[in-house]
N, C-alpha and C. Protein backbone atom coordinates (compact mmCIF):
# COMPACT_ATOMS: atom_id res chain seq x y z
N MET A 1 17.51 -57.27 7.05
CA MET A 1 16.41 -56.31 6.88
C MET A 1 16.80 -55.27 5.80
N ALA A 2 15.96 -55.04 4.87
CA ALA A 2 16.17 -54.14 3.80
C ALA A 2 15.30 -52.88 4.14
N THR A 3 15.78 -51.72 3.76
CA THR A 3 15.05 -50.48 3.99
C THR A 3 14.52 -49.96 2.72
N VAL A 4 13.31 -49.60 2.69
CA VAL A 4 12.64 -49.04 1.53
C VAL A 4 12.13 -47.66 1.88
N ARG A 5 12.47 -46.67 1.07
CA ARG A 5 12.06 -45.30 1.28
C ARG A 5 11.03 -44.90 0.23
N ILE A 6 9.94 -44.34 0.68
CA ILE A 6 8.93 -43.87 -0.24
C ILE A 6 9.19 -42.40 -0.54
N LYS A 7 9.69 -42.04 -1.67
CA LYS A 7 10.06 -40.69 -1.98
C LYS A 7 8.85 -39.87 -2.38
N ARG A 8 8.01 -40.35 -3.33
CA ARG A 8 6.88 -39.55 -3.86
C ARG A 8 5.82 -40.57 -4.22
N PHE A 9 4.58 -40.02 -4.20
CA PHE A 9 3.45 -40.75 -4.72
C PHE A 9 3.08 -40.18 -6.02
N LYS A 10 2.60 -40.97 -6.94
CA LYS A 10 1.98 -40.43 -8.18
C LYS A 10 0.45 -40.19 -7.77
N VAL A 11 0.16 -38.98 -7.58
CA VAL A 11 -1.10 -38.58 -6.85
C VAL A 11 -2.28 -39.12 -7.67
N TRP A 12 -2.28 -38.99 -8.97
CA TRP A 12 -3.52 -39.37 -9.70
C TRP A 12 -3.56 -40.91 -9.79
N THR A 13 -2.48 -41.63 -9.79
CA THR A 13 -2.51 -43.03 -9.74
C THR A 13 -3.16 -43.58 -8.41
N VAL A 14 -2.71 -43.04 -7.34
CA VAL A 14 -3.26 -43.37 -6.07
C VAL A 14 -4.79 -42.94 -5.90
N ALA A 15 -5.12 -41.81 -6.48
CA ALA A 15 -6.42 -41.35 -6.47
C ALA A 15 -7.39 -42.18 -7.24
N LYS A 16 -6.90 -42.69 -8.37
CA LYS A 16 -7.78 -43.63 -9.14
C LYS A 16 -8.05 -44.93 -8.39
N TRP A 17 -7.01 -45.51 -7.80
CA TRP A 17 -7.19 -46.72 -7.02
C TRP A 17 -8.13 -46.54 -5.80
N VAL A 18 -7.89 -45.45 -5.16
CA VAL A 18 -8.72 -45.23 -3.89
C VAL A 18 -10.18 -44.93 -4.33
N THR A 19 -10.42 -44.28 -5.40
CA THR A 19 -11.79 -43.96 -5.91
C THR A 19 -12.40 -45.22 -6.28
N ILE A 20 -11.80 -46.14 -6.95
CA ILE A 20 -12.44 -47.34 -7.35
C ILE A 20 -12.83 -48.20 -6.10
N TRP A 21 -11.82 -48.35 -5.17
CA TRP A 21 -12.16 -49.13 -3.99
C TRP A 21 -13.19 -48.44 -3.12
N ALA A 22 -13.18 -47.18 -3.05
CA ALA A 22 -14.18 -46.46 -2.17
C ALA A 22 -15.56 -46.64 -2.83
N SER A 23 -15.69 -46.68 -4.13
CA SER A 23 -16.97 -46.88 -4.80
C SER A 23 -17.53 -48.30 -4.53
N PHE A 24 -16.62 -49.28 -4.59
CA PHE A 24 -17.01 -50.64 -4.31
C PHE A 24 -17.56 -50.75 -2.86
N ILE A 25 -16.80 -50.16 -1.96
CA ILE A 25 -17.21 -50.21 -0.54
C ILE A 25 -18.50 -49.42 -0.34
N GLY A 26 -18.65 -48.30 -1.04
CA GLY A 26 -19.90 -47.53 -0.95
C GLY A 26 -21.05 -48.31 -1.45
N PHE A 27 -20.84 -49.11 -2.57
CA PHE A 27 -21.92 -49.86 -3.13
C PHE A 27 -22.49 -50.79 -2.05
N PHE A 28 -21.57 -51.56 -1.43
CA PHE A 28 -21.98 -52.58 -0.51
C PHE A 28 -22.58 -51.89 0.72
N LEU A 29 -22.02 -50.71 1.20
CA LEU A 29 -22.66 -50.03 2.30
C LEU A 29 -24.04 -49.58 1.95
N GLY A 30 -24.18 -49.09 0.67
CA GLY A 30 -25.56 -48.70 0.21
C GLY A 30 -26.59 -49.80 0.29
N LEU A 31 -26.11 -51.01 -0.21
CA LEU A 31 -26.95 -52.17 -0.11
C LEU A 31 -27.39 -52.49 1.35
N ILE A 32 -26.50 -52.39 2.28
CA ILE A 32 -26.80 -52.67 3.65
C ILE A 32 -27.67 -51.60 4.17
N TYR A 33 -27.41 -50.30 3.88
CA TYR A 33 -28.33 -49.28 4.35
C TYR A 33 -29.70 -49.45 3.84
N ALA A 34 -29.78 -49.73 2.58
CA ALA A 34 -31.10 -49.88 1.92
C ALA A 34 -31.88 -51.09 2.56
N ALA A 35 -31.17 -52.18 2.77
CA ALA A 35 -31.90 -53.30 3.33
C ALA A 35 -32.32 -53.08 4.75
N VAL A 36 -31.55 -52.39 5.52
CA VAL A 36 -31.92 -52.08 6.95
C VAL A 36 -33.08 -51.09 6.88
N MET A 37 -32.96 -50.11 6.06
CA MET A 37 -34.04 -49.09 6.03
C MET A 37 -35.38 -49.72 5.52
N LEU A 38 -35.32 -50.64 4.59
CA LEU A 38 -36.57 -51.23 4.16
C LEU A 38 -37.14 -52.17 5.19
N LYS A 39 -36.28 -52.82 5.89
CA LYS A 39 -36.79 -53.81 6.93
C LYS A 39 -37.29 -53.07 8.16
N TYR A 40 -36.47 -52.08 8.70
CA TYR A 40 -36.89 -51.49 9.93
C TYR A 40 -37.38 -50.01 9.87
N GLY A 41 -37.12 -49.41 8.70
CA GLY A 41 -37.55 -47.99 8.62
C GLY A 41 -38.88 -47.80 7.88
N ASP A 42 -39.27 -46.64 7.82
CA ASP A 42 -40.46 -46.32 7.15
C ASP A 42 -40.18 -45.62 5.83
N VAL A 43 -39.48 -46.31 4.95
CA VAL A 43 -39.06 -45.65 3.66
C VAL A 43 -39.61 -46.50 2.52
N THR A 44 -39.73 -45.85 1.36
CA THR A 44 -40.19 -46.47 0.17
C THR A 44 -39.01 -47.15 -0.56
N ARG A 45 -39.31 -47.91 -1.61
CA ARG A 45 -38.27 -48.45 -2.37
C ARG A 45 -37.45 -47.43 -3.15
N SER A 46 -38.09 -46.39 -3.55
CA SER A 46 -37.38 -45.35 -4.28
C SER A 46 -36.20 -44.73 -3.37
N VAL A 47 -36.53 -44.57 -2.13
CA VAL A 47 -35.53 -44.05 -1.19
C VAL A 47 -34.43 -45.06 -1.02
N ALA A 48 -34.71 -46.34 -0.92
CA ALA A 48 -33.68 -47.34 -0.82
C ALA A 48 -32.77 -47.45 -2.04
N VAL A 49 -33.40 -47.26 -3.25
CA VAL A 49 -32.65 -47.21 -4.51
C VAL A 49 -31.71 -45.95 -4.49
N THR A 50 -32.20 -44.86 -3.89
CA THR A 50 -31.34 -43.69 -3.87
C THR A 50 -30.16 -43.93 -2.94
N TYR A 51 -30.36 -44.66 -1.91
CA TYR A 51 -29.19 -44.99 -1.03
C TYR A 51 -28.17 -45.87 -1.79
N VAL A 52 -28.71 -46.85 -2.61
CA VAL A 52 -27.77 -47.78 -3.26
C VAL A 52 -27.01 -46.94 -4.41
N ILE A 53 -27.65 -45.98 -5.02
CA ILE A 53 -26.99 -45.21 -6.04
C ILE A 53 -26.11 -44.10 -5.51
N SER A 54 -26.57 -43.39 -4.44
CA SER A 54 -25.85 -42.19 -4.00
C SER A 54 -24.68 -42.55 -3.11
N THR A 55 -24.79 -43.63 -2.36
CA THR A 55 -23.67 -44.04 -1.37
C THR A 55 -22.40 -44.23 -2.10
N PRO A 56 -22.38 -45.04 -3.27
CA PRO A 56 -21.10 -45.23 -3.92
C PRO A 56 -20.58 -43.98 -4.53
N LEU A 57 -21.41 -43.08 -5.01
CA LEU A 57 -20.92 -41.85 -5.67
C LEU A 57 -20.36 -40.96 -4.59
N LEU A 58 -20.99 -40.80 -3.49
CA LEU A 58 -20.46 -39.93 -2.42
C LEU A 58 -19.21 -40.51 -1.79
N ASN A 59 -19.15 -41.80 -1.70
CA ASN A 59 -17.99 -42.43 -1.10
C ASN A 59 -16.77 -42.34 -2.07
N ALA A 60 -17.07 -42.48 -3.37
CA ALA A 60 -15.97 -42.35 -4.38
C ALA A 60 -15.52 -40.92 -4.47
N LEU A 61 -16.35 -39.98 -4.38
CA LEU A 61 -16.04 -38.55 -4.37
C LEU A 61 -15.15 -38.17 -3.22
N SER A 62 -15.50 -38.67 -1.97
CA SER A 62 -14.74 -38.33 -0.79
C SER A 62 -13.37 -39.06 -0.84
N GLY A 63 -13.31 -40.36 -1.39
CA GLY A 63 -12.03 -41.00 -1.60
C GLY A 63 -11.14 -40.33 -2.55
N LEU A 64 -11.71 -39.78 -3.64
CA LEU A 64 -10.95 -39.05 -4.61
C LEU A 64 -10.32 -37.76 -4.03
N VAL A 65 -11.13 -37.03 -3.40
CA VAL A 65 -10.67 -35.75 -2.82
C VAL A 65 -9.68 -36.02 -1.70
N GLY A 66 -10.01 -36.96 -0.79
CA GLY A 66 -9.06 -37.26 0.27
C GLY A 66 -7.71 -37.76 -0.19
N SER A 67 -7.70 -38.66 -1.21
CA SER A 67 -6.40 -39.20 -1.64
C SER A 67 -5.60 -38.18 -2.41
N VAL A 68 -6.26 -37.27 -3.18
CA VAL A 68 -5.52 -36.22 -3.81
C VAL A 68 -4.95 -35.30 -2.76
N VAL A 69 -5.70 -34.94 -1.80
CA VAL A 69 -5.14 -33.99 -0.80
C VAL A 69 -4.04 -34.66 0.01
N LEU A 70 -4.21 -35.83 0.49
CA LEU A 70 -3.17 -36.58 1.25
C LEU A 70 -1.96 -36.90 0.47
N GLY A 71 -2.13 -37.31 -0.79
CA GLY A 71 -0.99 -37.56 -1.62
C GLY A 71 -0.13 -36.36 -1.92
N SER A 72 -0.82 -35.25 -2.23
CA SER A 72 -0.17 -33.94 -2.42
C SER A 72 0.52 -33.42 -1.23
N LEU A 73 -0.16 -33.59 -0.08
CA LEU A 73 0.43 -33.17 1.22
C LEU A 73 1.73 -33.99 1.56
N TYR A 74 1.64 -35.34 1.29
CA TYR A 74 2.74 -36.13 1.50
C TYR A 74 3.98 -35.77 0.66
N ASN A 75 3.73 -35.49 -0.64
CA ASN A 75 4.76 -35.12 -1.57
C ASN A 75 5.30 -33.72 -1.20
N PHE A 76 4.50 -32.85 -0.65
CA PHE A 76 4.96 -31.51 -0.27
C PHE A 76 5.80 -31.64 1.03
N MET A 77 5.34 -32.44 2.00
CA MET A 77 6.00 -32.56 3.29
C MET A 77 7.26 -33.41 3.20
N ASN A 78 7.31 -34.30 2.23
CA ASN A 78 8.44 -35.21 2.04
C ASN A 78 9.73 -34.36 1.76
N ASP A 79 9.64 -33.31 1.02
CA ASP A 79 10.79 -32.54 0.73
C ASP A 79 11.27 -31.76 2.01
N ARG A 80 10.41 -31.54 2.90
CA ARG A 80 10.87 -30.76 4.13
C ARG A 80 11.21 -31.60 5.24
N ILE A 81 10.54 -32.73 5.61
CA ILE A 81 10.80 -33.49 6.80
C ILE A 81 11.37 -34.86 6.50
N GLY A 82 11.35 -35.29 5.25
CA GLY A 82 11.83 -36.65 4.89
C GLY A 82 10.79 -37.66 4.56
N ALA A 83 11.16 -38.68 3.93
CA ALA A 83 10.26 -39.72 3.47
C ALA A 83 10.02 -40.72 4.48
N VAL A 84 8.88 -41.50 4.34
CA VAL A 84 8.60 -42.59 5.15
C VAL A 84 9.52 -43.71 4.83
N THR A 85 10.07 -44.35 5.83
CA THR A 85 10.96 -45.51 5.69
C THR A 85 10.35 -46.75 6.18
N LEU A 86 10.41 -47.77 5.37
CA LEU A 86 9.85 -49.03 5.73
C LEU A 86 10.99 -50.04 5.85
N GLU A 87 10.96 -50.87 6.81
CA GLU A 87 11.92 -51.96 6.97
C GLU A 87 11.24 -53.25 6.54
N VAL A 88 11.77 -53.89 5.44
CA VAL A 88 11.12 -55.18 5.02
C VAL A 88 12.17 -56.26 5.07
N GLU A 89 11.61 -57.44 5.27
CA GLU A 89 12.39 -58.64 5.33
C GLU A 89 12.08 -59.46 4.17
N ILE A 90 13.08 -59.84 3.34
CA ILE A 90 12.85 -60.69 2.08
C ILE A 90 13.43 -62.08 2.44
N ASP A 91 12.60 -63.09 2.31
CA ASP A 91 13.10 -64.44 2.70
C ASP A 91 13.91 -65.08 1.61
N ASP A 92 13.30 -65.22 0.41
CA ASP A 92 13.96 -66.03 -0.63
C ASP A 92 14.61 -65.07 -1.62
N VAL A 93 15.87 -64.70 -1.41
CA VAL A 93 16.61 -63.84 -2.34
C VAL A 93 17.52 -64.66 -3.10
N PRO A 94 17.45 -64.66 -4.43
CA PRO A 94 18.41 -65.46 -5.21
C PRO A 94 19.83 -64.91 -5.05
N ASN A 95 20.83 -65.81 -5.34
CA ASN A 95 22.21 -65.33 -5.13
C ASN A 95 22.61 -64.30 -6.15
N SER A 96 22.09 -64.36 -7.30
CA SER A 96 22.45 -63.35 -8.26
C SER A 96 21.12 -62.77 -8.83
N ILE A 97 21.03 -61.45 -8.74
CA ILE A 97 19.75 -60.80 -9.29
C ILE A 97 20.15 -60.27 -10.67
N PRO A 98 19.41 -60.66 -11.67
CA PRO A 98 19.68 -60.17 -13.01
C PRO A 98 19.35 -58.70 -13.13
N GLN A 99 20.27 -58.04 -13.82
CA GLN A 99 20.07 -56.59 -14.01
C GLN A 99 19.17 -56.39 -15.17
N MET A 100 18.14 -55.48 -14.92
CA MET A 100 17.19 -55.08 -16.01
C MET A 100 17.68 -53.93 -16.75
N SER A 101 17.59 -53.96 -18.06
CA SER A 101 18.05 -52.85 -18.81
C SER A 101 16.84 -51.97 -19.27
N ARG A 102 16.98 -50.70 -19.26
CA ARG A 102 15.87 -49.80 -19.70
C ARG A 102 16.09 -49.48 -21.18
N GLU A 103 15.05 -49.68 -21.85
CA GLU A 103 15.09 -49.26 -23.31
C GLU A 103 14.31 -47.94 -23.43
N GLU A 104 15.03 -47.01 -23.88
CA GLU A 104 14.40 -45.68 -24.04
C GLU A 104 14.30 -45.28 -25.44
């Protein structure tokens, strides 16, 4: 068992990924909301289109804000209480691992 410790998150990198995925999820949720509202509700098509447009935007905004807050909080608390430690098991480890050189 190998142990991996997460020292810090690059907050903006995490925020970009979460925002993209949240907008995709929001788009599909907006389609579902719009379809259900058109079928069972008393709404017009313009309201359904508003659902399809606004749901991804609001979901992406909440994902962006949430990931920035949680990433910053993790980085802040990591210095005080310690990092998250993961135990991973690697099955196929070669006998010799080549060393990578950094070119600066």
